[in-house]
Amino acid sequence: MTRTVAVVGGGYGGSLVAKALDLAGDVVLIDPREAFVNAAGSLRALTQPDWAANIFFPFDTLLERGRVIRDRATSVDPAGVTLASGDRVEADYLVLATGSGYPFPAKPKPSATTIAQALDDLRESHKELSGAGRVLILGSGPVGLELAGEIKEVWPDKDVTIVSKAESLLPGFLPEVRAELHRQLGELGITVLLGATLTAPPPTEAGRAGRFTATTDAGNEISADIWFQAFGVRITSDYLTDGELTPLTARATVPVTDRLTVQGYDHVYALGDIADLPDPKMASYAQVQAQVVAENLRAQLAGERPKAVHTPTPHQRILLPLGPRRGVGQLPVPGGVAPATTETVSQRKGADLFTARFGERFSRG
């Protein structure tokens, strides 16, 4: 008898699990969107709208045997998933992979569940940005840095300023990686104000053109024509707040075992941003976790004991492009990590932002 595996969320980790188990069980992928969105390319999609379609991969090309339900989970219990439509999916195994939300344009707006809607939002924001001479970015994490680099790639003469309350860029990464990042930002003419906050929020909506002057707590005045928010991750676990499955942690994440099962269950898994793990909330880590989940579920579907465990990495890795030709990174090497060359960052991520990789995943061939 074929067992049902319900995967809630079709992001980086969920789509990988669904694909890996497509021929092993009755896979049901639940996601309100029409397509997987390669969020790594969202910022380039903003600055280069003719390229933007490359970040969308329709779910109807992902599975051969399984099915995709375009709906939103409103509750999960040990026996299945209740949907916003009122329908229910009963399942023998459950995988929670709903990830996190982030302000547009790093991720599509929640209302943009179709490719057409998401592209319209990007084109509209691109039009607003293209006419702005001075850009303010609030937040100096990877999103803010990559956005600044993508803007400078298309409009090298735009004035770009990053303001952040953080005291340093990429804390926790190698000093030489951080030094190289500062060098490249200087070469691009990007101004970075660290340890600074605005005395009041910008008076305009994020992503909308409108001239204004903001003041930092140190008294610096910044004039800009548009601004973007590059902070504010929100874990997508609201459908679990009813407690039908498990209590959430204080960070709104799900407690898991080393096999990535939800604590208290051997048939329910959680991975990616929603899982209470020390791993960074980044796509590459979610995909590593997805491989563990897929291996364990494949064993269970075959009537075997699951043995794969996830060991959080002690060293952070990152590939941070500043446009297709620049960027910094650090990657694992025996005994630790080492800086990645600009050429490596470009070849492995910056040039196409993983579009070729996901083209392979979303192909039935």
Protein backbone atom coordinates (compact mmCIF):
# COMPACT_ATOMS: atom_id res chain seq x y z
CA MET A 1 0.00 0.00 0.00
CA THR A 2 1.39 3.41 -1.02
CA ARG A 3 1.81 5.84 1.85
CA THR A 4 1.05 9.56 1.59
CA VAL A 5 3.71 12.17 2.29
CA ALA A 6 2.36 15.71 2.68
CA VAL A 7 5.00 18.41 2.20
CA VAL A 8 3.86 21.81 3.46
CA GLY A 9 5.83 24.49 1.62
CA GLY A 10 7.51 24.31 -1.77
CA GLY A 11 10.60 26.41 -1.15
CA TYR A 12 14.25 25.38 -1.34
CA GLY A 13 13.91 22.48 1.10
CA GLY A 14 10.31 21.41 0.53
CA SER A 15 10.59 21.17 -3.26
CA LEU A 16 13.76 19.09 -2.91
CA VAL A 17 12.07 16.61 -0.54
CA ALA A 18 8.99 16.36 -2.75
CA LYS A 19 11.12 15.70 -5.83
CA ALA A 20 13.28 13.13 -4.04
CA LEU A 21 10.26 11.13 -2.83
CA ASP A 22 8.11 11.47 -5.94
CA LEU A 23 8.57 7.85 -6.99
CA ALA A 24 8.76 6.42 -3.47
CA GLY A 25 5.37 7.45 -2.09
CA ASP A 26 2.19 9.39 -2.77
CA VAL A 27 3.60 12.92 -2.51
CA VAL A 28 1.29 15.88 -1.97
CA LEU A 29 2.99 19.29 -2.09
CA ILE A 30 0.97 22.10 -0.50
CA ASP A 31 1.80 25.70 -1.42
CA PRO A 32 -0.43 28.68 -2.33
CA ARG A 33 1.93 29.84 -5.07
CA GLU A 34 1.90 28.93 -8.73
CA ALA A 35 5.65 28.48 -8.80
CA PHE A 36 8.80 27.98 -6.79
CA VAL A 37 10.64 31.28 -6.46
CA ASN A 38 14.43 31.26 -6.47
CA ALA A 39 14.70 34.14 -4.03
CA ALA A 40 18.46 34.29 -4.57
CA GLY A 41 17.65 36.00 -7.87
CA SER A 42 14.94 38.37 -6.62
CA LEU A 43 17.19 41.41 -6.32
CA ARG A 44 18.53 41.03 -9.85
CA ALA A 45 14.95 40.54 -11.00
CA LEU A 46 14.23 43.99 -9.55
CA THR A 47 17.08 45.72 -11.33
CA GLN A 48 16.84 43.72 -14.58
CA PRO A 49 13.14 43.06 -15.27
CA ASP A 50 13.87 41.45 -18.65
CA TRP A 51 15.71 38.74 -16.70
CA ALA A 52 13.13 38.43 -13.91
CA ALA A 53 11.20 35.47 -15.35
CA ASN A 54 14.27 33.31 -14.72
CA ILE A 55 13.55 33.10 -10.97
CA PHE A 56 10.16 31.38 -11.33
CA PHE A 57 9.74 27.62 -11.78
CA PRO A 58 6.13 26.39 -12.08
CA PHE A 59 5.25 23.62 -9.65
CA ASP A 60 3.43 21.69 -12.37
CA THR A 61 6.82 20.66 -13.81
CA LEU A 62 8.25 19.37 -10.50
CA LEU A 63 6.56 16.01 -9.94
CA GLU A 64 5.80 13.05 -12.20
CA ARG A 65 3.52 11.05 -9.91
CA GLY A 66 2.78 13.40 -7.05
CA ARG A 67 0.35 16.27 -7.01
CA VAL A 68 0.47 19.93 -6.03
CA ILE A 69 -2.34 21.61 -4.11
CA ARG A 70 -2.38 25.38 -4.42
CA ASP A 71 -3.69 26.26 -1.00
CA ARG A 72 -2.46 27.55 2.33
CA ALA A 73 -2.13 25.39 5.44
CA THR A 74 -4.10 26.75 8.39
CA SER A 75 -3.45 23.90 10.82
CA VAL A 76 -1.38 20.75 11.07
CA ASP A 77 -2.00 17.84 13.42
CA PRO A 78 -0.36 14.39 13.58
CA ALA A 79 -2.79 12.97 11.01
CA GLY A 80 -2.77 15.64 8.34
CA VAL A 81 -3.15 19.22 7.13
CA THR A 82 -6.18 21.51 7.20
CA LEU A 83 -6.27 24.04 4.35
CA ALA A 84 -7.61 27.57 4.02
CA SER A 85 -10.20 26.31 1.55
CA GLY A 86 -11.62 24.03 4.25
CA ASP A 87 -10.27 20.91 2.57
CA ARG A 88 -8.05 18.47 4.41
CA VAL A 89 -5.10 16.31 3.39
CA GLU A 90 -4.71 13.12 5.41
CA ALA A 91 -1.13 11.88 5.46
CA ASP A 92 1.02 9.09 6.83
CA TYR A 93 4.07 11.37 6.90
CA LEU A 94 4.35 15.14 7.18
CA VAL A 95 7.13 17.54 6.24
CA LEU A 96 7.00 21.15 7.44
CA ALA A 97 9.06 23.37 5.15
CA THR A 98 7.30 26.73 5.04
CA GLY A 99 10.45 28.80 5.53
CA SER A 100 10.18 32.48 6.33
CA GLY A 101 8.90 35.74 4.97
CA TYR A 102 11.01 38.77 4.12
CA PRO A 103 10.17 42.27 2.90
CA PHE A 104 9.79 42.79 -0.84
CA PRO A 105 11.79 42.77 -3.12
CA ALA A 106 13.99 40.09 -1.52
CA LYS A 107 10.91 37.87 -1.61
CA PRO A 108 7.63 38.36 -3.51
CA LYS A 109 4.77 40.07 -1.76
CA PRO A 110 2.50 37.55 0.05
CA SER A 111 -0.37 38.55 -2.24
CA ALA A 112 1.64 37.62 -5.36
CA THR A 113 0.79 33.93 -5.65
CA THR A 114 1.02 33.86 -9.45
CA ILE A 115 4.03 34.48 -11.67
CA ALA A 116 2.19 37.29 -13.44
CA GLN A 117 1.43 39.10 -10.18
CA ALA A 118 5.01 38.78 -8.94
CA LEU A 119 6.42 40.04 -12.23
CA ASP A 120 4.05 43.00 -12.20
CA ASP A 121 5.27 43.95 -8.72
CA LEU A 122 8.90 43.73 -9.83
CA ARG A 123 8.32 45.82 -12.96
CA GLU A 124 6.45 48.48 -10.98
CA SER A 125 9.22 48.70 -8.38
CA HIS A 126 11.87 48.74 -11.10
CA LYS A 127 10.18 51.76 -12.66
CA GLU A 128 10.23 53.55 -9.32
CA LEU A 129 13.89 52.68 -8.75
CA SER A 130 15.09 53.53 -12.25
CA GLY A 131 14.13 57.18 -11.87
CA ALA A 132 15.73 57.59 -8.43
CA GLY A 133 19.18 59.13 -8.25
CA ARG A 134 19.79 58.42 -4.55
CA VAL A 135 18.93 55.12 -2.88
CA LEU A 136 18.79 54.39 0.85
CA ILE A 137 18.97 50.77 2.03
CA LEU A 138 18.15 50.01 5.66
CA GLY A 139 19.96 46.85 6.74
CA SER A 140 23.51 45.61 6.11
CA GLY A 141 22.96 41.85 6.03
CA PRO A 142 23.43 39.81 2.84
CA VAL A 143 20.16 41.10 1.38
CA GLY A 144 21.06 44.78 1.78
CA LEU A 145 24.57 44.22 0.48
CA GLU A 146 23.46 42.22 -2.54
CA LEU A 147 20.77 44.77 -3.36
CA ALA A 148 23.36 47.55 -3.32
CA GLY A 149 25.61 45.54 -5.64
CA GLU A 150 22.82 44.78 -8.10
CA ILE A 151 21.80 48.45 -8.23
CA LYS A 152 25.37 49.55 -8.93
CA GLU A 153 25.75 46.92 -11.66
CA VAL A 154 22.88 48.44 -13.64
CA TRP A 155 23.19 52.09 -12.55
CA PRO A 156 26.82 52.77 -11.53
CA ASP A 157 26.10 56.49 -11.13
CA LYS A 158 23.31 56.11 -8.58
CA ASP A 159 24.17 57.20 -5.06
CA VAL A 160 23.64 54.20 -2.76
CA THR A 161 23.81 54.42 1.04
CA ILE A 162 23.41 51.54 3.48
CA VAL A 163 22.42 52.35 7.06
CA SER A 164 22.49 49.68 9.75
CA LYS A 165 22.40 49.45 13.51
CA ALA A 166 24.91 46.57 13.25
CA GLU A 167 28.41 47.50 14.33
CA SER A 168 30.12 45.46 11.59
CA LEU A 169 29.48 43.77 8.27
CA LEU A 170 29.15 39.98 8.26
CA PRO A 171 29.97 39.44 11.93
CA GLY A 172 31.29 35.95 12.57
CA PHE A 173 32.92 35.58 9.17
CA LEU A 174 36.64 35.62 8.44
CA PRO A 175 38.36 39.01 8.89
CA GLU A 176 39.85 38.83 5.40
CA VAL A 177 36.38 38.22 3.90
CA ARG A 178 35.01 41.25 5.71
CA ALA A 179 38.01 43.36 4.66
CA GLU A 180 37.52 42.36 1.04
CA LEU A 181 33.83 43.21 1.28
CA HIS A 182 34.65 46.71 2.52
CA ARG A 183 37.18 47.12 -0.31
CA GLN A 184 34.68 46.14 -3.00
CA LEU A 185 31.93 48.33 -1.55
CA GLY A 186 34.35 51.24 -1.60
CA GLU A 187 35.32 50.46 -5.18
CA LEU A 188 31.64 50.52 -6.14
CA GLY A 189 31.13 53.84 -4.36
CA ILE A 190 28.60 52.44 -1.87
CA THR A 191 28.42 54.37 1.41
CA VAL A 192 27.97 52.25 4.55
CA LEU A 193 26.96 53.77 7.90
CA LEU A 194 27.26 51.18 10.67
CA GLY A 195 26.09 51.48 14.26
CA ALA A 196 23.47 53.96 13.09
CA THR A 197 19.70 54.21 13.24
CA LEU A 198 17.26 56.74 11.85
CA THR A 199 15.53 59.06 14.28
CA ALA A 200 12.27 58.43 12.40
CA PRO A 201 11.18 56.06 9.63
CA PRO A 202 11.31 57.42 6.06
CA PRO A 203 8.07 59.25 5.25
CA THR A 204 7.54 57.32 2.00
CA GLU A 205 6.56 53.70 1.42
CA ALA A 206 9.48 51.32 0.86
CA GLY A 207 10.15 50.85 -2.84
CA ARG A 208 8.19 53.97 -3.83
CA ALA A 209 9.93 57.01 -5.29
CA GLY A 210 9.65 60.18 -3.25
CA ARG A 211 12.35 62.62 -2.21
CA PHE A 212 13.04 62.89 1.52
CA THR A 213 15.77 63.58 4.05
CA ALA A 214 16.38 61.23 6.98
CA THR A 215 18.50 61.89 10.06
CA THR A 216 20.56 59.34 11.96
CA ASP A 217 20.90 59.25 15.73
CA ALA A 218 24.38 60.72 15.27
CA GLY A 219 22.92 63.72 13.46
CA ASN A 220 23.92 62.73 9.91
CA GLU A 221 21.43 63.82 7.27
CA ILE A 222 20.77 61.49 4.33
CA SER A 223 18.83 62.68 1.31
CA ALA A 224 17.29 59.98 -0.87
CA ASP A 225 14.73 59.48 -3.61
CA ILE A 226 13.73 55.94 -2.67
CA TRP A 227 14.44 53.45 0.12
CA PHE A 228 14.29 49.71 0.67
CA GLN A 229 13.94 47.60 3.80
CA ALA A 230 16.58 44.87 4.05
CA PHE A 231 15.78 43.41 7.46
CA GLY A 232 12.87 41.68 9.15
CA VAL A 233 12.81 37.89 8.73
CA ARG A 234 9.53 36.37 9.91
CA ILE A 235 9.28 32.62 10.43
CA THR A 236 6.22 31.22 8.61
CA SER A 237 4.77 29.08 11.37
CA ASP A 238 1.45 30.82 12.07
CA TYR A 239 -0.47 27.70 11.03
CA LEU A 240 1.05 25.89 14.04
CA THR A 241 0.04 28.39 16.72
CA ASP A 242 -3.13 26.44 17.54
CA GLY A 243 -0.94 23.82 19.25
CA GLU A 244 -2.53 20.89 17.43
CA LEU A 245 0.92 19.52 16.60
CA THR A 246 3.57 20.97 18.88
CA PRO A 247 4.34 24.07 20.95
CA LEU A 248 6.54 26.56 19.13
CA THR A 249 9.73 27.98 20.61
CA ALA A 250 10.06 31.61 21.63
CA ARG A 251 11.46 32.27 18.14
CA ALA A 252 8.34 30.74 16.52
CA THR A 253 10.36 27.74 15.32
CA VAL A 254 9.66 24.02 15.66
CA PRO A 255 11.76 21.86 18.03
CA VAL A 256 13.35 18.94 16.15
CA THR A 257 15.56 15.91 16.82
CA ASP A 258 18.87 15.18 15.12
CA ARG A 259 16.92 13.17 12.52
CA LEU A 260 14.89 16.36 11.89
CA THR A 261 11.68 14.81 13.17
CA VAL A 262 9.47 17.10 15.21
CA GLN A 263 10.05 16.26 18.86
CA GLY A 264 7.52 13.68 20.02
CA TYR A 265 6.87 12.19 16.58
CA ASP A 266 8.66 9.77 14.27
CA HIS A 267 6.56 10.56 11.19
CA VAL A 268 6.58 14.38 11.20
CA TYR A 269 9.61 16.33 10.00
CA ALA A 270 10.59 20.02 9.94
CA LEU A 271 13.44 21.65 8.04
CA GLY A 272 14.79 24.97 6.90
CA ASP A 273 13.97 28.27 8.57
CA ILE A 274 11.08 26.80 10.52
CA ALA A 275 13.25 24.21 12.30
CA ASP A 276 14.80 25.16 15.64
CA LEU A 277 18.41 24.61 14.61
CA PRO A 278 21.59 26.67 15.03
CA ASP A 279 22.16 26.61 11.27
CA PRO A 280 21.89 30.01 9.55
CA LYS A 281 18.53 30.68 7.95
CA MET A 282 19.87 30.35 4.41
CA ALA A 283 18.78 28.32 1.39
CA SER A 284 21.93 26.21 1.21
CA TYR A 285 21.42 24.94 4.76
CA ALA A 286 17.76 24.12 4.10
CA GLN A 287 18.79 22.00 1.13
CA VAL A 288 21.34 20.06 3.18
CA GLN A 289 18.65 19.40 5.79
CA ALA A 290 16.22 18.34 3.05
CA GLN A 291 18.59 15.57 1.99
CA VAL A 292 18.51 14.15 5.53
CA VAL A 293 14.72 14.28 5.62
CA ALA A 294 14.42 12.64 2.20
CA GLU A 295 16.81 9.85 3.16
CA ASN A 296 14.93 9.10 6.37
CA LEU A 297 11.53 9.16 4.71
CA ARG A 298 12.74 6.97 1.87
CA ALA A 299 13.82 4.42 4.47
CA GLN A 300 10.50 4.60 6.31
CA LEU A 301 8.52 4.23 3.09
CA ALA A 302 10.53 1.10 2.38
CA GLY A 303 9.77 -0.28 5.84
CA GLU A 304 13.26 0.35 7.13
CA ARG A 305 14.60 2.21 10.15
CA PRO A 306 15.63 5.84 9.42
CA LYS A 307 19.27 6.45 10.27
CA ALA A 308 20.29 9.77 8.72
CA VAL A 309 21.12 12.52 11.19
CA HIS A 310 21.79 16.20 10.73
CA THR A 311 24.89 17.67 12.31
CA PRO A 312 24.89 21.48 12.36
CA THR A 313 28.01 22.86 10.73
CA PRO A 314 30.46 24.58 13.11
CA HIS A 315 31.57 26.99 10.37
CA GLN A 316 29.45 29.46 8.44
CA ARG A 317 29.62 29.39 4.66
CA ILE A 318 28.43 32.12 2.36
CA LEU A 319 28.53 33.25 -1.26
CA LEU A 320 27.63 36.93 -1.39
CA PRO A 321 27.62 38.39 -4.91
CA LEU A 322 27.66 42.13 -5.52
CA GLY A 323 26.27 41.79 -9.02
CA PRO A 324 27.34 39.09 -11.48
CA ARG A 325 31.05 39.96 -11.51
CA ARG A 326 31.88 40.87 -7.92
CA GLY A 327 31.38 39.47 -4.45
CA VAL A 328 32.91 37.73 -1.46
CA GLY A 329 32.49 34.43 0.29
CA GLN A 330 33.89 31.73 2.48
CA LEU A 331 33.62 27.99 1.98
CA PRO A 332 34.45 24.86 3.97
CA VAL A 333 37.91 23.35 3.68
CA PRO A 334 39.47 20.53 5.71
CA GLY A 335 39.72 21.81 9.25
CA GLY A 336 37.68 24.96 8.82
CA VAL A 337 36.79 27.57 6.21
CA ALA A 338 38.70 29.70 3.73
CA PRO A 339 37.90 32.82 1.73
CA ALA A 340 36.37 32.26 -1.71
CA THR A 341 37.84 34.17 -4.61
CA THR A 342 35.70 36.66 -6.50
CA GLU A 343 35.87 34.32 -9.50
CA THR A 344 34.49 31.46 -7.39
CA VAL A 345 31.65 33.60 -6.07
CA SER A 346 30.77 34.63 -9.61
CA GLN A 347 31.00 31.14 -11.09
CA ARG A 348 29.09 29.38 -8.33
CA LYS A 349 26.39 31.98 -7.67
CA GLY A 350 26.77 35.50 -9.01
CA ALA A 351 26.67 34.73 -12.73
CA ASP A 352 23.26 33.04 -12.83
CA LEU A 353 22.11 32.99 -9.17
CA PHE A 354 21.44 29.23 -9.34
CA THR A 355 18.90 29.41 -12.16
CA ALA A 356 20.49 26.48 -14.02
CA ARG A 357 20.39 24.31 -10.90
CA PHE A 358 16.68 24.82 -10.38
CA GLY A 359 16.00 24.35 -14.06
CA GLU A 360 17.23 20.79 -13.57
CA ARG A 361 15.11 20.22 -10.45
CA PHE A 362 11.94 21.45 -12.12
CA SER A 363 12.28 19.19 -15.11
CA ARG A 364 10.59 15.84 -15.54
CA GLY A 365 13.25 14.71 -17.95
